[in-house]
C-alpha atoms as a PDB file:
ATOM      1  CA  MET A   1     129.392  90.231 -75.859  1.00  0.00           C
ATOM      2  CA  ASP A   2     126.377  89.496 -73.728  1.00  0.00           C
ATOM      3  CA  ASN A   3     123.108  90.128 -75.559  1.00  0.00           C
ATOM      4  CA  GLY A   4     120.937  89.035 -72.634  1.00  0.00           C
ATOM      5  CA  GLY A   5     120.688  92.565 -71.281  1.00  0.00           C
ATOM      6  CA  ALA A   6     119.573  93.928 -74.636  1.00  0.00           C
ATOM      7  CA  LEU A   7     116.915  91.242 -74.992  1.00  0.00           C
ATOM      8  CA  TYR A   8     115.684  91.840 -71.450  1.00  0.00           C
ATOM      9  CA  GLY A   9     115.578  95.578 -72.169  1.00  0.00           C
ATOM     10  CA  LEU A  10     113.480  95.017 -75.266  1.00  0.00           C
ATOM     11  CA  GLY A  11     111.167  92.787 -73.247  1.00  0.00           C
ATOM     12  CA  VAL A  12     110.775  95.493 -70.609  1.00  0.00           C
ATOM     13  CA  ILE A  13     110.065  98.164 -73.222  1.00  0.00           C
ATOM     14  CA  GLY A  14     107.499  95.951 -74.927  1.00  0.00           C
ATOM     15  CA  ALA A  15     105.820  95.033 -71.655  1.00  0.00           C
ATOM     16  CA  LEU A  16     105.732  98.676 -70.537  1.00  0.00           C
ATOM     17  CA  GLY A  17     104.136  99.694 -73.809  1.00  0.00           C
ATOM     18  CA  TYR A  18     101.500  96.974 -73.560  1.00  0.00           C
ATOM     19  CA  PHE A  19     100.585  97.427 -69.893  1.00  0.00           C
ATOM     20  CA  ILE A  20     100.485 101.234 -70.060  1.00  0.00           C
ATOM     21  CA  HIS A  21      98.548 101.262 -73.330  1.00  0.00           C
ATOM     22  CA  THR A  22      95.850  98.948 -71.969  1.00  0.00           C
ATOM     23  CA  ALA A  23      95.472 100.716 -68.605  1.00  0.00           C
ATOM     24  CA  PRO A  24      92.120 102.525 -68.350  1.00  0.00           C
ATOM     25  CA  THR A  25      93.091 104.673 -65.332  1.00  0.00           C
ATOM     26  CA  PHE A  26      96.188 106.458 -64.073  1.00  0.00           C
ATOM     27  CA  TRP A  27      96.744 104.093 -61.153  1.00  0.00           C
ATOM     28  CA  LEU A  28      96.429 101.031 -63.347  1.00  0.00           C
ATOM     29  CA  GLY A  29      99.033 102.702 -65.557  1.00  0.00           C
ATOM     30  CA  VAL A  30     101.325 102.991 -62.527  1.00  0.00           C
ATOM     31  CA  LEU A  31     100.702  99.316 -61.783  1.00  0.00           C
ATOM     32  CA  GLY A  32     101.469  98.641 -65.446  1.00  0.00           C
ATOM     33  CA  VAL A  33     104.926 100.195 -65.014  1.00  0.00           C
ATOM     34  CA  VAL A  34     105.652  97.855 -62.102  1.00  0.00           C
ATOM     35  CA  LYS A  35     104.331  94.857 -64.023  1.00  0.00           C
ATOM     36  CA  GLY A  36     106.283  95.886 -67.110  1.00  0.00           C
ATOM     37  CA  VAL A  37     109.573  95.853 -65.215  1.00  0.00           C
ATOM     38  CA  PHE A  38     109.055  92.455 -63.576  1.00  0.00           C
ATOM     39  CA  TRP A  39     107.062  90.602 -66.233  1.00  0.00           C
ATOM     40  CA  PRO A  40     110.025  89.678 -68.496  1.00  0.00           C
ATOM     41  CA  ALA A  41     111.853  88.171 -65.504  1.00  0.00           C
ATOM     42  CA  VAL A  42     108.829  86.018 -64.664  1.00  0.00           C
ATOM     43  CA  VAL A  43     108.583  84.826 -68.271  1.00  0.00           C
ATOM     44  CA  VAL A  44     112.262  83.819 -68.323  1.00  0.00           C
ATOM     45  CA  TYR A  45     111.906  82.062 -64.952  1.00  0.00           C
ATOM     46  CA  LYS A  46     108.865  80.095 -66.117  1.00  0.00           C
ATOM     47  CA  ALA A  47     110.535  79.196 -69.436  1.00  0.00           C
ATOM     48  CA  LEU A  48     113.592  77.842 -67.604  1.00  0.00           C
ATOM     49  CA  GLU A  49     111.306  75.979 -65.207  1.00  0.00           C
ATOM     50  CA  VAL A  50     109.545  74.279 -68.127  1.00  0.00           C
ATOM     51  CA  LEU A  51     112.876  73.456 -69.790  1.00  0.00           C
ATOM     52  CA  LYS A  52     114.235  72.138 -66.463  1.00  0.00           C
ATOM     53  CA  ALA A  53     117.399  74.209 -66.905  1.00  0.00           C
END
């Protein structure tokens, strides 16, 4: 079984919760949804870049 999707999903849920919770306005909350979806992918990309994988 591939657990990568589950881990990415948890990362997205966590990022969405953080970015929406800290948004002071509605539109920053909308931006938080966009950031929450793409942020885990950026973290994985940067981690692989540092590990030279």
